[in-house]
Protein backbone atom coordinates (compact mmCIF):
# COMPACT_ATOMS: atom_id res chain seq x y z
CA MET A 1 0.05 -0.20 0.06
CA THR A 2 2.30 2.67 -1.17
CA ASP A 3 -0.47 5.28 -1.93
CA THR A 4 -0.85 6.86 1.36
CA LEU A 5 0.27 10.24 2.95
CA LYS A 6 2.51 8.20 5.45
CA TYR A 7 4.50 6.38 2.52
CA ASP A 8 4.75 9.61 0.73
CA GLU A 9 6.18 11.41 3.90
CA TYR A 10 8.49 8.51 4.55
CA LYS A 11 9.91 8.72 1.13
CA GLN A 12 10.40 12.50 1.05
CA GLY A 13 12.25 12.04 4.60
CA VAL A 14 9.52 14.25 6.25
CA LYS A 15 9.81 14.24 10.23
CA THR A 16 6.51 14.28 11.80
CA CYS A 17 4.95 11.64 14.31
CA ARG A 18 3.53 9.93 11.05
CA THR A 19 6.86 8.77 10.40
CA CYS A 20 7.89 7.87 13.63
CA MET A 21 8.36 4.15 14.46
CA TYR A 22 6.52 4.43 17.83
CA ILE A 23 3.40 5.72 16.62
CA ASP A 24 0.34 3.71 16.98
CA GLU A 25 -2.47 4.64 14.39
CA TYR A 26 -4.76 1.80 15.00
CA SER A 27 -5.60 2.42 18.58
CA LEU A 28 -8.19 4.91 17.83
CA ASN A 29 -8.96 3.54 14.36
CA VAL A 30 -12.51 3.57 13.24
CA ASN A 31 -11.86 1.00 10.62
CA ASP A 32 -11.96 -2.42 12.00
CA ASP A 33 -11.40 -4.53 8.82
CA GLY A 34 -7.64 -4.10 8.59
CA GLU A 35 -7.66 -0.88 6.37
CA THR A 36 -5.38 1.96 6.64
CA PRO A 37 -6.02 3.48 9.80
CA LEU A 38 -8.54 6.23 9.86
CA GLY A 39 -9.57 8.23 12.89
CA TYR A 40 -12.48 10.85 13.52
CA ASP A 41 -9.75 13.40 13.88
CA GLY A 42 -6.72 11.89 12.93
CA GLU A 43 -5.39 11.26 16.33
CA ALA A 44 -2.88 8.63 17.37
CA VAL A 45 -1.12 7.20 20.41
CA CYS A 46 2.68 7.57 21.06
CA CYS A 47 4.03 3.90 22.25
CA LYS A 48 6.69 5.79 24.20
CA TYR A 49 4.56 7.87 26.31
CA ASP A 50 5.72 7.51 30.01
CA LYS A 51 2.83 7.66 32.41
CA THR A 52 5.37 8.12 35.26
CA GLN A 53 6.48 11.21 33.93
CA LYS A 54 4.45 14.58 33.70
CA GLU A 55 2.63 15.05 30.35
CA ASN A 56 3.88 17.97 28.44
CA HIS A 57 3.44 19.71 25.12
CA GLN A 58 5.99 18.06 22.90
CA SER A 59 8.14 15.06 24.56
CA ASN A 60 5.75 13.17 26.45
CA ARG A 61 2.02 12.80 25.42
CA LEU A 62 -0.11 9.82 25.15
CA PHE A 63 -2.49 11.16 22.46
CA ILE A 64 -0.83 12.82 19.30
CA SER A 65 -1.63 13.93 15.98
CA PRO A 66 0.41 12.41 13.20
CA CYS A 67 1.23 15.73 11.92
CA ASP A 68 3.04 16.84 15.27
CA ASN A 69 6.56 17.92 14.98
CA VAL A 70 8.77 15.11 16.45
CA CYS A 71 10.08 15.11 19.92
CA PRO A 72 13.41 13.72 21.25
CA LYS A 73 12.11 10.24 21.32
CA TYR A 74 11.51 10.23 17.30
CA LYS A 75 12.89 7.18 15.41
CA ARG A 76 12.29 6.94 11.69
CA CYS A 77 9.78 4.07 10.92
CA THR A 78 10.78 1.54 8.58
CA GLU A 79 9.65 1.17 5.03
CA LYS A 80 7.47 -1.66 5.74
CA GLN A 81 5.85 0.48 8.58
CA ALA A 82 5.21 3.19 6.20
CA GLU A 83 3.48 0.48 3.96
CA TYR A 84 1.54 -0.39 7.06
CA LEU A 85 3.01 -3.94 6.77
CA GLU A 86 4.76 -3.88 10.10
CA ILE A 87 3.89 -2.02 13.42
CA TYR A 88 5.80 -1.17 16.58
CA ASP A 89 4.72 -3.73 19.47
CA THR A 90 5.01 -2.32 22.97
CA LYS A 91 4.93 -5.84 24.54
CA THR A 92 8.13 -6.92 22.76
CA ASP A 93 9.69 -3.37 22.22
CA SER A 94 10.28 -4.52 18.50
CA ILE A 95 8.75 -4.26 15.25
CA ILE A 96 6.28 -7.10 13.98
CA LYS A 97 4.18 -7.89 11.15
CA ASN A 98 0.96 -6.01 11.20
CA PRO A 99 -1.73 -8.15 12.64
CA TYR A 100 -4.48 -5.72 11.38
CA VAL A 101 -3.45 -6.47 7.64
CA CYS A 102 -4.84 -9.58 5.94
């Protein structure tokens, strides 16, 4: 699936939360059939949110916009993440095959 904004921004080297390996775009997804994530307002969850730390504007927020400027935790996603074939798994702290894609 290479016709998405995520993939375009990945190929262009754009640094936003959308191209970070730690973004969870499925957590607030309104599609439940494995399609590209689609939210009512485009929000996502940051997998590197630290609930023991104070939430602040840039570097520690749970709910984020994929369009947000990157924080110090930013790490560029893999090409397969940009294609929605892989996702970041918080349990194993690794990249895994996307279970939402058939």
